[in-house]
Amino acid sequence: CGCKPKGDASDSSETGELKAPATVEQAAHVLDLTTFPL
């Protein structure tokens, strides 16, 4: 994509974000790719 503007790319409008790196269970609650449609 080429060099992007410097700064944080996070979306501050998101809600429900975890404060710490996710556990497996927490991540599965958001997305489990074993069930993703093909």
Full PDB file with SEQRES, HELIX, SHEET, SSBOND, CRYST1, ORIGX, SCALE, CONECT and MASTER records, all heavy atoms in Angstrom:
SEQRES   1 A   38  CYS GLY CYS LYS PRO LYS GLY ASP ALA SER ASP SER SER          
SEQRES   2 A   38  GLU THR GLY GLU LEU LYS ALA PRO ALA THR VAL GLU GLN          
SEQRES   3 A   38  ALA ALA HIS VAL LEU ASP LEU THR THR PHE PRO LEU              
HELIX    1 AA1 VAL A   24  VAL A   30  1                                   7    
HELIX    2 AA2 LEU A   33  THR A   35  5                                   3    
CRYST1    1.000    1.000    1.000  90.00  90.00  90.00 P 1           1          
ORIGX1      1.000000  0.000000  0.000000        0.00000                         
ORIGX2      0.000000  1.000000  0.000000        0.00000                         
ORIGX3      0.000000  0.000000  1.000000        0.00000                         
SCALE1      1.000000  0.000000  0.000000        0.00000                         
SCALE2      0.000000  1.000000  0.000000        0.00000                         
SCALE3      0.000000  0.000000  1.000000        0.00000                         
ATOM      1  N   CYS A   1       0.801  -1.214   0.000  1.00  0.00           N  
ATOM      2  CA  CYS A   1       0.000   0.000   0.000  1.00  0.00           C  
ATOM      3  C   CYS A   1       0.837   1.268   0.000  1.00  0.00           C  
ATOM      4  O   CYS A   1       0.309   2.358  -0.135  1.00  0.00           O  
ATOM      5  CB  CYS A   1      -0.929   0.017   1.222  1.00  0.00           C  
ATOM      6  SG  CYS A   1      -1.988  -1.425   1.320  1.00  0.00           S  
ATOM      7  N   GLY A   2       2.136   1.138   0.192  1.00  0.00           N  
ATOM      8  CA  GLY A   2       2.978   2.321   0.246  1.00  0.00           C  
ATOM      9  C   GLY A   2       3.048   2.880   1.646  1.00  0.00           C  
ATOM     10  O   GLY A   2       2.385   2.421   2.559  1.00  0.00           O  
ATOM     11  N   CYS A   3       3.872   3.852   1.831  1.00  0.00           N  
ATOM     12  CA  CYS A   3       4.053   4.443   3.150  1.00  0.00           C  
ATOM     13  C   CYS A   3       2.816   5.235   3.541  1.00  0.00           C  
ATOM     14  O   CYS A   3       2.315   6.053   2.785  1.00  0.00           O  
ATOM     15  CB  CYS A   3       5.279   5.351   3.141  1.00  0.00           C  
ATOM     16  SG  CYS A   3       5.692   5.998   4.756  1.00  0.00           S  
ATOM     17  N   LYS A   4       2.310   4.978   4.737  1.00  0.00           N  
ATOM     18  CA  LYS A   4       1.102   5.635   5.222  1.00  0.00           C  
ATOM     19  C   LYS A   4       1.468   6.765   6.170  1.00  0.00           C  
ATOM     20  O   LYS A   4       2.596   6.862   6.652  1.00  0.00           O  
ATOM     21  CB  LYS A   4       0.213   4.614   5.946  1.00  0.00           C  
ATOM     22  CG  LYS A   4      -0.154   3.413   5.068  1.00  0.00           C  
ATOM     23  CD  LYS A   4      -0.957   3.821   3.858  1.00  0.00           C  
ATOM     24  CE  LYS A   4      -1.320   2.620   3.009  1.00  0.00           C  
ATOM     25  NZ  LYS A   4      -2.060   2.982   1.803  1.00  0.00           N  
ATOM     26  N   PRO A   5       0.514   7.601   6.494  1.00  0.00           N  
ATOM     27  CA  PRO A   5       0.799   8.678   7.441  1.00  0.00           C  
ATOM     28  C   PRO A   5       1.271   8.124   8.776  1.00  0.00           C  
ATOM     29  O   PRO A   5       0.806   7.077   9.226  1.00  0.00           O  
ATOM     30  CB  PRO A   5      -0.553   9.391   7.582  1.00  0.00           C  
ATOM     31  CG  PRO A   5      -1.295   9.054   6.329  1.00  0.00           C  
ATOM     32  CD  PRO A   5      -0.845   7.674   5.962  1.00  0.00           C  
ATOM     33  N   LYS A   6       2.167   8.832   9.416  1.00  0.00           N  
ATOM     34  CA  LYS A   6       2.648   8.411  10.725  1.00  0.00           C  
ATOM     35  C   LYS A   6       1.540   8.582  11.742  1.00  0.00           C  
ATOM     36  O   LYS A   6       0.749   9.495  11.673  1.00  0.00           O  
ATOM     37  CB  LYS A   6       3.864   9.246  11.136  1.00  0.00           C  
ATOM     38  CG  LYS A   6       5.043   9.124  10.177  1.00  0.00           C  
ATOM     39  CD  LYS A   6       6.139  10.087  10.558  1.00  0.00           C  
ATOM     40  CE  LYS A   6       7.279  10.060   9.546  1.00  0.00           C  
ATOM     41  NZ  LYS A   6       8.345  11.014   9.864  1.00  0.00           N  
ATOM     42  N   GLY A   7       1.511   7.673  12.717  1.00  0.00           N  
ATOM     43  CA  GLY A   7       0.510   7.783  13.772  1.00  0.00           C  
ATOM     44  C   GLY A   7      -0.136   6.457  14.046  1.00  0.00           C  
ATOM     45  O   GLY A   7       0.226   5.440  13.489  1.00  0.00           O  
ATOM     46  N   ASP A   8      -1.127   6.461  14.912  1.00  0.00           N  
ATOM     47  CA  ASP A   8      -1.817   5.248  15.324  1.00  0.00           C  
ATOM     48  C   ASP A   8      -2.993   4.983  14.400  1.00  0.00           C  
ATOM     49  O   ASP A   8      -3.811   5.856  14.135  1.00  0.00           O  
ATOM     50  CB  ASP A   8      -2.319   5.417  16.757  1.00  0.00           C  
ATOM     51  CG  ASP A   8      -2.949   4.153  17.304  1.00  0.00           C  
ATOM     52  OD1 ASP A   8      -2.830   3.117  16.629  1.00  0.00           O  
ATOM     53  OD2 ASP A   8      -3.557   4.220  18.385  1.00  0.00           O  
ATOM     54  N   ALA A   9      -3.094   3.710  13.891  1.00  0.00           N  
ATOM     55  CA  ALA A   9      -4.168   3.365  12.956  1.00  0.00           C  
ATOM     56  C   ALA A   9      -5.371   2.784  13.667  1.00  0.00           C  
ATOM     57  O   ALA A   9      -6.293   2.300  13.032  1.00  0.00           O  
ATOM     58  CB  ALA A   9      -3.641   2.367  11.922  1.00  0.00           C  
ATOM     59  N   SER A  10      -5.383   2.788  14.984  1.00  0.00           N  
ATOM     60  CA  SER A  10      -6.496   2.193  15.707  1.00  0.00           C  
ATOM     61  C   SER A  10      -7.756   3.030  15.552  1.00  0.00           C  
ATOM     62  O   SER A  10      -7.699   4.228  15.305  1.00  0.00           O  
ATOM     63  CB  SER A  10      -6.154   2.052  17.197  1.00  0.00           C  
ATOM     64  OG  SER A  10      -5.907   3.326  17.752  1.00  0.00           O  
ATOM     65  N   ASP A  11      -8.901   2.372  15.686  1.00  0.00           N  
ATOM     66  CA  ASP A  11     -10.184   3.044  15.541  1.00  0.00           C  
ATOM     67  C   ASP A  11     -10.736   3.338  16.933  1.00  0.00           C  
ATOM     68  O   ASP A  11     -11.167   2.442  17.643  1.00  0.00           O  
ATOM     69  CB  ASP A  11     -11.137   2.145  14.745  1.00  0.00           C  
ATOM     70  CG  ASP A  11     -12.458   2.846  14.460  1.00  0.00           C  
ATOM     71  OD1 ASP A  11     -12.682   3.961  14.966  1.00  0.00           O  
ATOM     72  OD2 ASP A  11     -13.266   2.266  13.743  1.00  0.00           O  
ATOM     73  N   SER A  12     -10.738   4.580  17.339  1.00  0.00           N  
ATOM     74  CA  SER A  12     -11.156   4.937  18.685  1.00  0.00           C  
ATOM     75  C   SER A  12     -12.657   4.779  18.885  1.00  0.00           C  
ATOM     76  O   SER A  12     -13.139   4.831  20.017  1.00  0.00           O  
ATOM     77  CB  SER A  12     -10.748   6.387  18.987  1.00  0.00           C  
ATOM     78  OG  SER A  12     -11.350   7.274  18.055  1.00  0.00           O  
ATOM     79  N   SER A  13     -13.399   4.563  17.766  1.00  0.00           N  
ATOM     80  CA  SER A  13     -14.846   4.430  17.894  1.00  0.00           C  
ATOM     81  C   SER A  13     -15.263   3.027  18.312  1.00  0.00           C  
ATOM     82  O   SER A  13     -16.420   2.771  18.600  1.00  0.00           O  
ATOM     83  CB  SER A  13     -15.522   4.794  16.566  1.00  0.00           C  
ATOM     84  OG  SER A  13     -15.178   3.859  15.555  1.00  0.00           O  
ATOM     85  N   GLU A  14     -14.310   2.093  18.297  1.00  0.00           N  
ATOM     86  CA  GLU A  14     -14.644   0.721  18.664  1.00  0.00           C  
ATOM     87  C   GLU A  14     -14.953   0.630  20.153  1.00  0.00           C  
ATOM     88  O   GLU A  14     -14.412   1.365  20.974  1.00  0.00           O  
ATOM     89  CB  GLU A  14     -13.487  -0.222  18.329  1.00  0.00           C  
ATOM     90  CG  GLU A  14     -13.301  -0.453  16.845  1.00  0.00           C  
ATOM     91  CD  GLU A  14     -12.206  -1.468  16.567  1.00  0.00           C  
ATOM     92  OE1 GLU A  14     -11.307  -1.609  17.406  1.00  0.00           O  
ATOM     93  OE2 GLU A  14     -12.265  -2.112  15.532  1.00  0.00           O  
ATOM     94  N   THR A  15     -15.835  -0.296  20.512  1.00  0.00           N  
ATOM     95  CA  THR A  15     -16.180  -0.537  21.911  1.00  0.00           C  
ATOM     96  C   THR A  15     -15.928  -2.000  22.237  1.00  0.00           C  
ATOM     97  O   THR A  15     -15.789  -2.833  21.364  1.00  0.00           O  
ATOM     98  CB  THR A  15     -17.659  -0.198  22.164  1.00  0.00           C  
ATOM     99  OG1 THR A  15     -18.476  -1.007  21.294  1.00  0.00           O  
ATOM    100  CG2 THR A  15     -17.943   1.270  21.866  1.00  0.00           C  
ATOM    101  N   GLY A  16     -15.915  -2.301  23.525  1.00  0.00           N  
ATOM    102  CA  GLY A  16     -15.728  -3.679  23.942  1.00  0.00           C  
ATOM    103  C   GLY A  16     -14.313  -4.177  23.798  1.00  0.00           C  
ATOM    104  O   GLY A  16     -14.085  -5.388  23.769  1.00  0.00           O  
ATOM    105  N   GLU A  17     -13.329  -3.295  23.710  1.00  0.00           N  
ATOM    106  CA  GLU A  17     -11.945  -3.716  23.554  1.00  0.00           C  
ATOM    107  C   GLU A  17     -11.379  -4.214  24.876  1.00  0.00           C  
ATOM    108  O   GLU A  17     -11.682  -3.681  25.939  1.00  0.00           O  
ATOM    109  CB  GLU A  17     -11.088  -2.560  23.022  1.00  0.00           C  
ATOM    110  CG  GLU A  17     -11.462  -2.113  21.624  1.00  0.00           C  
ATOM    111  CD  GLU A  17     -10.532  -1.043  21.085  1.00  0.00           C  
ATOM    112  OE1 GLU A  17      -9.489  -0.798  21.731  1.00  0.00           O  
ATOM    113  OE2 GLU A  17     -10.825  -0.469  20.030  1.00  0.00           O  
ATOM    114  N   LEU A  18     -10.547  -5.233  24.809  1.00  0.00           N  
ATOM    115  CA  LEU A  18      -9.896  -5.793  25.984  1.00  0.00           C  
ATOM    116  C   LEU A  18      -8.690  -4.939  26.359  1.00  0.00           C  
ATOM    117  O   LEU A  18      -8.034  -4.357  25.501  1.00  0.00           O  
ATOM    118  CB  LEU A  18      -9.440  -7.226  25.705  1.00  0.00           C  
ATOM    119  CG  LEU A  18     -10.536  -8.220  25.303  1.00  0.00           C  
ATOM    120  CD1 LEU A  18      -9.911  -9.514  24.800  1.00  0.00           C  
ATOM    121  CD2 LEU A  18     -11.455  -8.496  26.479  1.00  0.00           C  
ATOM    122  N   LYS A  19      -8.389  -4.878  27.637  1.00  0.00           N  
ATOM    123  CA  LYS A  19      -7.252  -4.091  28.092  1.00  0.00           C  
ATOM    124  C   LYS A  19      -5.938  -4.841  27.938  1.00  0.00           C  
ATOM    125  O   LYS A  19      -4.880  -4.224  27.837  1.00  0.00           O  
ATOM    126  CB  LYS A  19      -7.457  -3.687  29.557  1.00  0.00           C  
ATOM    127  CG  LYS A  19      -8.618  -2.720  29.777  1.00  0.00           C  
ATOM    128  CD  LYS A  19      -8.720  -2.308  31.226  1.00  0.00           C  
ATOM    129  CE  LYS A  19      -9.863  -1.316  31.447  1.00  0.00           C  
ATOM    130  NZ  LYS A  19      -9.976  -0.900  32.869  1.00  0.00           N  
ATOM    131  N   ALA A  20      -5.989  -6.175  27.938  1.00  0.00           N  
ATOM    132  CA  ALA A  20      -4.789  -7.001  27.844  1.00  0.00           C  
ATOM    133  C   ALA A  20      -4.865  -7.872  26.592  1.00  0.00           C  
ATOM    134  O   ALA A  20      -5.944  -8.052  26.017  1.00  0.00           O  
ATOM    135  CB  ALA A  20      -4.656  -7.875  29.092  1.00  0.00           C  
ATOM    136  N   PRO A  21      -3.726  -8.422  26.154  1.00  0.00           N  
ATOM    137  CA  PRO A  21      -3.768  -9.367  25.039  1.00  0.00           C  
ATOM    138  C   PRO A  21      -4.756 -10.490  25.319  1.00  0.00           C  
ATOM    139  O   PRO A  21      -4.859 -10.979  26.443  1.00  0.00           O  
ATOM    140  CB  PRO A  21      -2.326  -9.884  24.979  1.00  0.00           C  
ATOM    141  CG  PRO A  21      -1.509  -8.737  25.501  1.00  0.00           C  
ATOM    142  CD  PRO A  21      -2.346  -8.140  26.590  1.00  0.00           C  
ATOM    143  N   ALA A  22      -5.490 -10.892  24.314  1.00  0.00           N  
ATOM    144  CA  ALA A  22      -6.613 -11.813  24.478  1.00  0.00           C  
ATOM    145  C   ALA A  22      -6.187 -13.229  24.839  1.00  0.00           C  
ATOM    146  O   ALA A  22      -5.112 -13.697  24.462  1.00  0.00           O  
ATOM    147  CB  ALA A  22      -7.443 -11.845  23.200  1.00  0.00           C  
ATOM    148  N   THR A  23      -7.052 -13.915  25.560  1.00  0.00           N  
ATOM    149  CA  THR A  23      -6.922 -15.352  25.760  1.00  0.00           C  
ATOM    150  C   THR A  23      -7.571 -16.040  24.563  1.00  0.00           C  
ATOM    151  O   THR A  23      -8.257 -15.410  23.753  1.00  0.00           O  
ATOM    152  CB  THR A  23      -7.629 -15.795  27.050  1.00  0.00           C  
ATOM    153  OG1 THR A  23      -9.044 -15.552  26.910  1.00  0.00           O  
ATOM    154  CG2 THR A  23      -7.099 -15.032  28.257  1.00  0.00           C  
ATOM    155  N   VAL A  24      -7.385 -17.344  24.461  1.00  0.00           N  
ATOM    156  CA  VAL A  24      -8.008 -18.102  23.376  1.00  0.00           C  
ATOM    157  C   VAL A  24      -9.523 -17.969  23.449  1.00  0.00           C  
ATOM    158  O   VAL A  24     -10.201 -17.760  22.434  1.00  0.00           O  
ATOM    159  CB  VAL A  24      -7.590 -19.586  23.440  1.00  0.00           C  
ATOM    160  CG1 VAL A  24      -8.400 -20.422  22.453  1.00  0.00           C  
ATOM    161  CG2 VAL A  24      -6.101 -19.741  23.153  1.00  0.00           C  
ATOM    162  N   GLU A  25     -10.077 -18.072  24.643  1.00  0.00           N  
ATOM    163  CA  GLU A  25     -11.528 -18.000  24.813  1.00  0.00           C  
ATOM    164  C   GLU A  25     -12.067 -16.623  24.422  1.00  0.00           C  
ATOM    165  O   GLU A  25     -13.112 -16.524  23.774  1.00  0.00           O  
ATOM    166  CB  GLU A  25     -11.904 -18.326  26.266  1.00  0.00           C  
ATOM    167  CG  GLU A  25     -11.630 -19.771  26.689  1.00  0.00           C  
ATOM    168  CD  GLU A  25     -10.158 -20.043  26.957  1.00  0.00           C  
ATOM    169  OE1 GLU A  25      -9.360 -19.064  27.059  1.00  0.00           O  
ATOM    170  OE2 GLU A  25      -9.787 -21.228  27.037  1.00  0.00           O  
ATOM    171  N   GLN A  26     -11.366 -15.578  24.817  1.00  0.00           N  
ATOM    172  CA  GLN A  26     -11.799 -14.225  24.470  1.00  0.00           C  
ATOM    173  C   GLN A  26     -11.747 -13.999  22.961  1.00  0.00           C  
ATOM    174  O   GLN A  26     -12.648 -13.382  22.380  1.00  0.00           O  
ATOM    175  CB  GLN A  26     -10.929 -13.201  25.194  1.00  0.00           C  
ATOM    176  CG  GLN A  26     -11.166 -13.149  26.701  1.00  0.00           C  
ATOM    177  CD  GLN A  26     -10.131 -12.315  27.422  1.00  0.00           C  
ATOM    178  OE1 GLN A  26      -8.988 -12.187  26.970  1.00  0.00           O  
ATOM    179  NE2 GLN A  26     -10.513 -11.735  28.557  1.00  0.00           N  
ATOM    180  N   ALA A  27     -10.703 -14.491  22.340  1.00  0.00           N  
ATOM    181  CA  ALA A  27     -10.570 -14.334  20.891  1.00  0.00           C  
ATOM    182  C   ALA A  27     -11.653 -15.105  20.147  1.00  0.00           C  
ATOM    183  O   ALA A  27     -12.222 -14.621  19.163  1.00  0.00           O  
ATOM    184  CB  ALA A  27      -9.193 -14.802  20.439  1.00  0.00           C  
ATOM    185  N   ALA A  28     -11.970 -16.314  20.619  1.00  0.00           N  
ATOM    186  CA  ALA A  28     -12.990 -17.138  19.968  1.00  0.00           C  
ATOM    187  C   ALA A  28     -14.358 -16.480  20.040  1.00  0.00           C  
ATOM    188  O   ALA A  28     -15.195 -16.678  19.144  1.00  0.00           O  
ATOM    189  CB  ALA A  28     -13.035 -18.521  20.609  1.00  0.00           C  
ATOM    190  N   HIS A  29     -14.582 -15.699  21.066  1.00  0.00           N  
ATOM    191  CA  HIS A  29     -15.871 -15.011  21.208  1.00  0.00           C  
ATOM    192  C   HIS A  29     -16.053 -13.953  20.117  1.00  0.00           C  
ATOM    193  O   HIS A  29     -17.180 -13.666  19.707  1.00  0.00           O  
ATOM    194  CB  HIS A  29     -15.953 -14.358  22.584  1.00  0.00           C  
ATOM    195  CG  HIS A  29     -17.260 -13.683  22.858  1.00  0.00           C  
ATOM    196  ND1 HIS A  29     -18.437 -14.372  23.075  1.00  0.00           N  
ATOM    197  CD2 HIS A  29     -17.583 -12.359  22.936  1.00  0.00           C  
ATOM    198  CE1 HIS A  29     -19.420 -13.520  23.271  1.00  0.00           C  
ATOM    199  NE2 HIS A  29     -18.932 -12.283  23.196  1.00  0.00           N  
ATOM    200  N   VAL A  30     -14.938 -13.395  19.633  1.00  0.00           N  
ATOM    201  CA  VAL A  30     -14.992 -12.385  18.581  1.00  0.00           C  
ATOM    202  C   VAL A  30     -14.976 -13.016  17.199  1.00  0.00           C  
ATOM    203  O   VAL A  30     -15.755 -12.641  16.317  1.00  0.00           O  
ATOM    204  CB  VAL A  30     -13.814 -11.394  18.727  1.00  0.00           C  
ATOM    205  CG1 VAL A  30     -13.814 -10.372  17.596  1.00  0.00           C  
ATOM    206  CG2 VAL A  30     -13.879 -10.691  20.073  1.00  0.00           C  
ATOM    207  N   LEU A  31     -14.107 -14.006  16.982  1.00  0.00           N  
ATOM    208  CA  LEU A  31     -14.014 -14.670  15.677  1.00  0.00           C  
ATOM    209  C   LEU A  31     -13.335 -16.020  15.827  1.00  0.00           C  
ATOM    210  O   LEU A  31     -12.242 -16.115  16.389  1.00  0.00           O  
ATOM    211  CB  LEU A  31     -13.222 -13.817  14.689  1.00  0.00           C  
ATOM    212  CG  LEU A  31     -12.998 -14.436  13.304  1.00  0.00           C  
ATOM    213  CD1 LEU A  31     -14.327 -14.557  12.553  1.00  0.00           C  
ATOM    214  CD2 LEU A  31     -12.012 -13.609  12.479  1.00  0.00           C  
ATOM    215  N   ASP A  32     -13.996 -17.047  15.317  1.00  0.00           N  
ATOM    216  CA  ASP A  32     -13.434 -18.393  15.283  1.00  0.00           C  
ATOM    217  C   ASP A  32     -13.389 -18.823  13.817  1.00  0.00           C  
ATOM    218  O   ASP A  32     -14.413 -19.119  13.209  1.00  0.00           O  
ATOM    219  CB  ASP A  32     -14.298 -19.358  16.099  1.00  0.00           C  
ATOM    220  CG  ASP A  32     -13.709 -20.756  16.170  1.00  0.00           C  
ATOM    221  OD1 ASP A  32     -12.724 -21.024  15.450  1.00  0.00           O  
ATOM    222  OD2 ASP A  32     -14.250 -21.585  16.932  1.00  0.00           O  
ATOM    223  N   LEU A  33     -12.194 -18.847  13.247  1.00  0.00           N  
ATOM    224  CA  LEU A  33     -12.061 -19.144  11.826  1.00  0.00           C  
ATOM    225  C   LEU A  33     -12.315 -20.605  11.485  1.00  0.00           C  
ATOM    226  O   LEU A  33     -12.385 -20.961  10.300  1.00  0.00           O  
ATOM    227  CB  LEU A  33     -10.673 -18.716  11.325  1.00  0.00           C  
ATOM    228  CG  LEU A  33     -10.461 -17.195  11.242  1.00  0.00           C  
ATOM    229  CD1 LEU A  33      -9.015 -16.866  10.886  1.00  0.00           C  
ATOM    230  CD2 LEU A  33     -11.412 -16.575  10.229  1.00  0.00           C  
ATOM    231  N   THR A  34     -12.493 -21.454  12.484  1.00  0.00           N  
ATOM    232  CA  THR A  34     -12.871 -22.839  12.187  1.00  0.00           C  
ATOM    233  C   THR A  34     -14.312 -22.922  11.714  1.00  0.00           C  
ATOM    234  O   THR A  34     -14.730 -23.932  11.144  1.00  0.00           O  
ATOM    235  CB  THR A  34     -12.686 -23.750  13.417  1.00  0.00           C  
ATOM    236  OG1 THR A  34     -13.563 -23.315  14.464  1.00  0.00           O  
ATOM    237  CG2 THR A  34     -11.245 -23.732  13.908  1.00  0.00           C  
ATOM    238  N   THR A  35     -15.084 -21.866  11.939  1.00  0.00           N  
ATOM    239  CA  THR A  35     -16.485 -21.848  11.518  1.00  0.00           C  
ATOM    240  C   THR A  35     -16.724 -20.858  10.378  1.00  0.00           C  
ATOM    241  O   THR A  35     -17.869 -20.648   9.976  1.00  0.00           O  
ATOM    242  CB  THR A  35     -17.397 -21.479  12.700  1.00  0.00           C  
ATOM    243  OG1 THR A  35     -17.098 -20.138  13.136  1.00  0.00           O  
ATOM    244  CG2 THR A  35     -17.192 -22.441  13.864  1.00  0.00           C  
ATOM    245  N   PHE A  36     -15.673 -20.245   9.868  1.00  0.00           N  
ATOM    246  CA  PHE A  36     -15.820 -19.243   8.809  1.00  0.00           C  
ATOM    247  C   PHE A  36     -16.290 -19.911   7.519  1.00  0.00           C  
ATOM    248  O   PHE A  36     -15.767 -20.952   7.119  1.00  0.00           O  
ATOM    249  CB  PHE A  36     -14.483 -18.549   8.569  1.00  0.00           C  
ATOM    250  CG  PHE A  36     -14.580 -17.242   7.830  1.00  0.00           C  
ATOM    251  CD1 PHE A  36     -14.744 -16.060   8.524  1.00  0.00           C  
ATOM    252  CD2 PHE A  36     -14.514 -17.201   6.445  1.00  0.00           C  
ATOM    253  CE1 PHE A  36     -14.827 -14.844   7.862  1.00  0.00           C  
ATOM    254  CE2 PHE A  36     -14.602 -15.996   5.773  1.00  0.00           C  
ATOM    255  CZ  PHE A  36     -14.763 -14.804   6.477  1.00  0.00           C  
ATOM    256  N   PRO A  37     -17.303 -19.339   6.822  1.00  0.00           N  
ATOM    257  CA  PRO A  37     -17.820 -19.965   5.600  1.00  0.00           C  
ATOM    258  C   PRO A  37     -16.818 -19.898   4.457  1.00  0.00           C  
ATOM    259  O   PRO A  37     -16.047 -18.939   4.338  1.00  0.00           O  
ATOM    260  CB  PRO A  37     -19.065 -19.139   5.290  1.00  0.00           C  
ATOM    261  CG  PRO A  37     -18.783 -17.793   5.885  1.00  0.00           C  
ATOM    262  CD  PRO A  37     -18.017 -18.082   7.149  1.00  0.00           C  
ATOM    263  N   LEU A  38     -16.838 -20.924   3.603  1.00  0.00           N  
ATOM    264  CA  LEU A  38     -15.974 -20.978   2.431  1.00  0.00           C  
ATOM    265  C   LEU A  38     -16.785 -20.660   1.177  1.00  0.00           C  
ATOM    266  O   LEU A  38     -17.990 -20.900   1.122  1.00  0.00           O  
ATOM    267  CB  LEU A  38     -15.338 -22.361   2.292  1.00  0.00           C  
ATOM    268  CG  LEU A  38     -14.578 -22.903   3.502  1.00  0.00           C  
ATOM    269  CD1 LEU A  38     -13.974 -24.264   3.166  1.00  0.00           C  
ATOM    270  CD2 LEU A  38     -13.495 -21.928   3.959  1.00  0.00           C  
TER     271      LEU A  38                                                      
MASTER        0    0    0    2    0    0    0    6  270    1    0    3          
END                                                                             
